[in-house]
Amino acid sequence: MKTVRYVYWQDGDMWLGYIEEFPDYMTQGETLEELQANLKDIYDDITGGEIPGVNCQERTRESLLSSLRTTLSEALERKEMTPCRA
């Protein structure tokens, strides 16, 4: 069984938190137990491919960014994407 670390805190009457590996996906609960259940649901959705655009093959944020850079570079080489200036 894999151990998943998460960050949580209480804000007023609510518990808020996110999974360390996926900090962009926060959730909440009225109790700590509800927050933990919601975090489990988010983790299952992310790792199960239910949330589009999240690539969970990489184990770390750094390896994900590296993979995205490679994918972008390859797309630019194939001219699938055209860079633009802001």
C-alpha atoms as a PDB file:
ATOM      1  CA  MET A   1       0.000   0.000   0.000  1.00  0.00           C
ATOM      2  CA  LYS A   2       1.400   3.381  -1.028  1.00  0.00           C
ATOM      3  CA  THR A   3       1.681   6.133   1.565  1.00  0.00           C
ATOM      4  CA  VAL A   4       0.330   9.471   0.331  1.00  0.00           C
ATOM      5  CA  ARG A   5       1.317  12.584   2.240  1.00  0.00           C
ATOM      6  CA  TYR A   6      -1.022  15.531   2.508  1.00  0.00           C
ATOM      7  CA  VAL A   7      -1.063  19.014   4.017  1.00  0.00           C
ATOM      8  CA  TYR A   8      -4.073  20.130   6.024  1.00  0.00           C
ATOM      9  CA  TRP A   9      -5.217  22.941   8.301  1.00  0.00           C
ATOM     10  CA  GLN A  10      -8.346  24.231   9.944  1.00  0.00           C
ATOM     11  CA  ASP A  11      -9.900  27.512   8.820  1.00  0.00           C
ATOM     12  CA  GLY A  12     -12.857  28.438  10.966  1.00  0.00           C
ATOM     13  CA  ASP A  13     -15.217  25.475  11.024  1.00  0.00           C
ATOM     14  CA  MET A  14     -13.731  23.824   7.918  1.00  0.00           C
ATOM     15  CA  TRP A  15     -10.723  21.591   7.334  1.00  0.00           C
ATOM     16  CA  LEU A  16      -8.753  22.333   4.139  1.00  0.00           C
ATOM     17  CA  GLY A  17      -6.019  20.327   2.503  1.00  0.00           C
ATOM     18  CA  TYR A  18      -4.186  19.045  -0.538  1.00  0.00           C
ATOM     19  CA  ILE A  19      -2.005  16.109  -1.504  1.00  0.00           C
ATOM     20  CA  GLU A  20       1.692  17.084  -1.481  1.00  0.00           C
ATOM     21  CA  GLU A  21       2.226  15.505  -4.893  1.00  0.00           C
ATOM     22  CA  PHE A  22      -0.680  17.495  -6.401  1.00  0.00           C
ATOM     23  CA  PRO A  23      -0.853  20.858  -4.585  1.00  0.00           C
ATOM     24  CA  ASP A  24      -3.095  22.439  -7.222  1.00  0.00           C
ATOM     25  CA  TYR A  25      -6.028  20.234  -6.176  1.00  0.00           C
ATOM     26  CA  MET A  26      -7.352  21.411  -2.824  1.00  0.00           C
ATOM     27  CA  THR A  27     -10.437  20.151  -1.038  1.00  0.00           C
ATOM     28  CA  GLN A  28     -12.285  20.673   2.220  1.00  0.00           C
ATOM     29  CA  GLY A  29     -14.420  18.948   4.776  1.00  0.00           C
ATOM     30  CA  GLU A  30     -16.530  19.837   7.780  1.00  0.00           C
ATOM     31  CA  THR A  31     -14.532  17.276   9.792  1.00  0.00           C
ATOM     32  CA  LEU A  32     -11.002  15.960   9.500  1.00  0.00           C
ATOM     33  CA  GLU A  33     -12.437  12.564   8.538  1.00  0.00           C
ATOM     34  CA  GLU A  34     -14.480  14.130   5.717  1.00  0.00           C
ATOM     35  CA  LEU A  35     -11.390  15.991   4.479  1.00  0.00           C
ATOM     36  CA  GLN A  36      -9.406  12.742   4.455  1.00  0.00           C
ATOM     37  CA  ALA A  37     -12.175  11.006   2.473  1.00  0.00           C
ATOM     38  CA  ASN A  38     -12.247  13.901  -0.024  1.00  0.00           C
ATOM     39  CA  LEU A  39      -8.458  13.775  -0.388  1.00  0.00           C
ATOM     40  CA  LYS A  40      -8.669  10.040  -1.080  1.00  0.00           C
ATOM     41  CA  ASP A  41     -11.325  10.693  -3.742  1.00  0.00           C
ATOM     42  CA  ILE A  42      -9.156  13.342  -5.418  1.00  0.00           C
ATOM     43  CA  TYR A  43      -6.126  11.051  -5.358  1.00  0.00           C
ATOM     44  CA  ASP A  44      -8.153   8.204  -6.866  1.00  0.00           C
ATOM     45  CA  ASP A  45      -9.508  10.534  -9.582  1.00  0.00           C
ATOM     46  CA  ILE A  46      -6.050  11.881 -10.451  1.00  0.00           C
ATOM     47  CA  THR A  47      -4.268   8.541 -10.506  1.00  0.00           C
ATOM     48  CA  GLY A  48      -7.197   6.895 -12.276  1.00  0.00           C
ATOM     49  CA  GLY A  49      -7.096   9.400 -15.137  1.00  0.00           C
ATOM     50  CA  GLU A  50     -10.441  10.987 -14.268  1.00  0.00           C
ATOM     51  CA  ILE A  51      -8.987  14.519 -14.195  1.00  0.00           C
ATOM     52  CA  PRO A  52      -7.814  15.543 -17.685  1.00  0.00           C
ATOM     53  CA  GLY A  53      -4.399  17.101 -18.086  1.00  0.00           C
ATOM     54  CA  VAL A  54      -2.829  15.411 -15.081  1.00  0.00           C
ATOM     55  CA  ASN A  55      -0.034  13.039 -16.023  1.00  0.00           C
ATOM     56  CA  CYS A  56       0.644  10.758 -13.086  1.00  0.00           C
ATOM     57  CA  GLN A  57       3.374   8.664 -14.643  1.00  0.00           C
ATOM     58  CA  GLU A  58       5.990  11.005 -13.207  1.00  0.00           C
ATOM     59  CA  ARG A  59       6.752  10.600  -9.521  1.00  0.00           C
ATOM     60  CA  THR A  60       7.913  14.142  -8.810  1.00  0.00           C
ATOM     61  CA  ARG A  61       6.978  17.656  -9.846  1.00  0.00           C
ATOM     62  CA  GLU A  62      10.450  18.084 -11.383  1.00  0.00           C
ATOM     63  CA  SER A  63      10.095  15.001 -13.574  1.00  0.00           C
ATOM     64  CA  LEU A  64       6.607  16.143 -14.644  1.00  0.00           C
ATOM     65  CA  LEU A  65       7.966  19.562 -15.664  1.00  0.00           C
ATOM     66  CA  SER A  66      10.816  17.894 -17.545  1.00  0.00           C
ATOM     67  CA  SER A  67       8.349  15.645 -19.368  1.00  0.00           C
ATOM     68  CA  LEU A  68       6.157  18.610 -20.286  1.00  0.00           C
ATOM     69  CA  ARG A  69       9.165  20.537 -21.619  1.00  0.00           C
ATOM     70  CA  THR A  70      10.140  17.559 -23.771  1.00  0.00           C
ATOM     71  CA  THR A  71       6.596  17.164 -25.088  1.00  0.00           C
ATOM     72  CA  LEU A  72       6.374  20.868 -25.902  1.00  0.00           C
ATOM     73  CA  SER A  73       9.773  20.834 -27.595  1.00  0.00           C
ATOM     74  CA  GLU A  74       8.815  17.814 -29.714  1.00  0.00           C
ATOM     75  CA  ALA A  75       5.506  19.426 -30.710  1.00  0.00           C
ATOM     76  CA  LEU A  76       7.304  22.600 -31.770  1.00  0.00           C
ATOM     77  CA  GLU A  77       9.774  20.577 -33.848  1.00  0.00           C
ATOM     78  CA  ARG A  78       6.866  18.870 -35.639  1.00  0.00           C
ATOM     79  CA  LYS A  79       5.254  22.285 -36.067  1.00  0.00           C
ATOM     80  CA  GLU A  80       2.154  21.114 -34.221  1.00  0.00           C
ATOM     81  CA  MET A  81       2.372  24.297 -32.207  1.00  0.00           C
ATOM     82  CA  THR A  82       3.377  27.775 -33.253  1.00  0.00           C
ATOM     83  CA  PRO A  83       4.970  30.041 -30.655  1.00  0.00           C
ATOM     84  CA  CYS A  84       3.543  33.510 -30.341  1.00  0.00           C
ATOM     85  CA  ARG A  85       4.754  36.683 -28.694  1.00  0.00           C
ATOM     86  CA  ALA A  86       2.828  38.369 -25.947  1.00  0.00           C
END
